Amino acid sequence: MKTADLMTEATSLPLEERARLVDSLLQTLNPVDDSVTAAWLAVARRRLEDLEAGRVEAVPGEAVFEKVRRRLGQ
């Protein structure tokens, strides 16, 4: 199968299947490192615990993006 044909077929897939395909392809370029995955999982769990315990306050995404836009002068 030619690359162009493959691309055409891939872009016709439903969004969720395209996302799985992209993830699978990216993993072939950047193999998963279990130690890095474990470290990020620990960070995510700690952050969730902090949020649930009220030690940190969530900031709405739009507020974050607005702050970034202001800093960039956009």
C-alpha atoms as a PDB file:
ATOM      1  CA  MET A   1       0.000   0.000   0.000  1.00  0.00           C
ATOM      2  CA  LYS A   2       1.306   3.452  -0.869  1.00  0.00           C
ATOM      3  CA  THR A   3       1.766   6.051   1.857  1.00  0.00           C
ATOM      4  CA  ALA A   4      -0.804   8.365   0.236  1.00  0.00           C
ATOM      5  CA  ASP A   5      -3.399   5.578   0.233  1.00  0.00           C
ATOM      6  CA  LEU A   6      -2.615   4.778   3.838  1.00  0.00           C
ATOM      7  CA  MET A   7      -2.985   8.446   4.811  1.00  0.00           C
ATOM      8  CA  THR A   8      -6.323   8.696   3.006  1.00  0.00           C
ATOM      9  CA  GLU A   9      -7.612   5.609   4.754  1.00  0.00           C
ATOM     10  CA  ALA A  10      -6.286   6.737   8.149  1.00  0.00           C
ATOM     11  CA  THR A  11      -7.895  10.182   7.901  1.00  0.00           C
ATOM     12  CA  SER A  12     -11.246   8.567   7.175  1.00  0.00           C
ATOM     13  CA  LEU A  13     -11.224   6.731  10.515  1.00  0.00           C
ATOM     14  CA  PRO A  14     -13.364   7.987  13.409  1.00  0.00           C
ATOM     15  CA  LEU A  15     -11.610  10.377  15.781  1.00  0.00           C
ATOM     16  CA  GLU A  16     -11.014   7.835  18.557  1.00  0.00           C
ATOM     17  CA  GLU A  17      -9.486   5.314  16.178  1.00  0.00           C
ATOM     18  CA  ARG A  18      -7.239   7.996  14.623  1.00  0.00           C
ATOM     19  CA  ALA A  19      -6.061   8.968  18.110  1.00  0.00           C
ATOM     20  CA  ARG A  20      -5.207   5.330  18.889  1.00  0.00           C
ATOM     21  CA  LEU A  21      -3.380   5.048  15.570  1.00  0.00           C
ATOM     22  CA  VAL A  22      -1.372   8.207  16.214  1.00  0.00           C
ATOM     23  CA  ASP A  23      -0.473   7.039  19.711  1.00  0.00           C
ATOM     24  CA  SER A  24       0.624   3.674  18.366  1.00  0.00           C
ATOM     25  CA  LEU A  25       2.781   5.273  15.668  1.00  0.00           C
ATOM     26  CA  LEU A  26       4.350   7.722  18.105  1.00  0.00           C
ATOM     27  CA  GLN A  27       5.273   4.869  20.432  1.00  0.00           C
ATOM     28  CA  THR A  28       7.303   3.336  17.597  1.00  0.00           C
ATOM     29  CA  LEU A  29       9.293   6.590  17.411  1.00  0.00           C
ATOM     30  CA  ASN A  30       9.555   7.106  21.167  1.00  0.00           C
ATOM     31  CA  PRO A  31       9.398   3.756  22.941  1.00  0.00           C
ATOM     32  CA  VAL A  32       7.801   3.788  26.371  1.00  0.00           C
ATOM     33  CA  ASP A  33      10.264   3.963  29.250  1.00  0.00           C
ATOM     34  CA  ASP A  34       8.608   2.300  32.236  1.00  0.00           C
ATOM     35  CA  SER A  35      10.649   4.303  34.751  1.00  0.00           C
ATOM     36  CA  VAL A  36       9.535   7.596  33.172  1.00  0.00           C
ATOM     37  CA  THR A  37       5.931   6.402  33.042  1.00  0.00           C
ATOM     38  CA  ALA A  38       6.073   5.417  36.722  1.00  0.00           C
ATOM     39  CA  ALA A  39       7.549   8.787  37.670  1.00  0.00           C
ATOM     40  CA  TRP A  40       4.829  10.714  35.807  1.00  0.00           C
ATOM     41  CA  LEU A  41       2.157   8.493  37.352  1.00  0.00           C
ATOM     42  CA  ALA A  42       3.504   9.300  40.827  1.00  0.00           C
ATOM     43  CA  VAL A  43       3.408  13.019  40.040  1.00  0.00           C
ATOM     44  CA  ALA A  44      -0.153  12.760  38.718  1.00  0.00           C
ATOM     45  CA  ARG A  45      -1.327  10.851  41.787  1.00  0.00           C
ATOM     46  CA  ARG A  46       0.318  13.369  44.141  1.00  0.00           C
ATOM     47  CA  ARG A  47      -1.284  16.271  42.282  1.00  0.00           C
ATOM     48  CA  LEU A  48      -4.694  14.610  42.402  1.00  0.00           C
ATOM     49  CA  GLU A  49      -4.306  14.005  46.144  1.00  0.00           C
ATOM     50  CA  ASP A  50      -3.337  17.671  46.636  1.00  0.00           C
ATOM     51  CA  LEU A  51      -6.381  18.783  44.666  1.00  0.00           C
ATOM     52  CA  GLU A  52      -8.786  16.451  46.482  1.00  0.00           C
ATOM     53  CA  ALA A  53      -7.359  17.442  49.888  1.00  0.00           C
ATOM     54  CA  GLY A  54      -7.793  21.142  49.102  1.00  0.00           C
ATOM     55  CA  ARG A  55      -4.051  21.881  49.314  1.00  0.00           C
ATOM     56  CA  VAL A  56      -4.194  23.419  45.834  1.00  0.00           C
ATOM     57  CA  GLU A  57      -6.923  25.189  43.915  1.00  0.00           C
ATOM     58  CA  ALA A  58      -7.804  24.286  40.349  1.00  0.00           C
ATOM     59  CA  VAL A  59      -7.499  27.029  37.750  1.00  0.00           C
ATOM     60  CA  PRO A  60      -9.889  26.888  34.783  1.00  0.00           C
ATOM     61  CA  GLY A  61      -8.068  26.202  31.521  1.00  0.00           C
ATOM     62  CA  GLU A  62      -9.440  29.320  29.859  1.00  0.00           C
ATOM     63  CA  ALA A  63      -7.963  31.475  32.636  1.00  0.00           C
ATOM     64  CA  VAL A  64      -4.574  29.846  32.100  1.00  0.00           C
ATOM     65  CA  PHE A  65      -4.705  30.407  28.342  1.00  0.00           C
ATOM     66  CA  GLU A  66      -5.784  34.024  28.817  1.00  0.00           C
ATOM     67  CA  LYS A  67      -2.803  34.620  31.105  1.00  0.00           C
ATOM     68  CA  VAL A  68      -0.487  33.097  28.489  1.00  0.00           C
ATOM     69  CA  ARG A  69      -2.025  35.241  25.732  1.00  0.00           C
ATOM     70  CA  ARG A  70      -1.490  38.388  27.838  1.00  0.00           C
ATOM     71  CA  ARG A  71       2.137  37.454  28.497  1.00  0.00           C
ATOM     72  CA  LEU A  72       2.713  36.872  24.802  1.00  0.00           C
ATOM     73  CA  GLY A  73       0.974  40.132  23.913  1.00  0.00           C
ATOM     74  CA  GLN A  74      -1.750  38.493  21.860  1.00  0.00           C
END
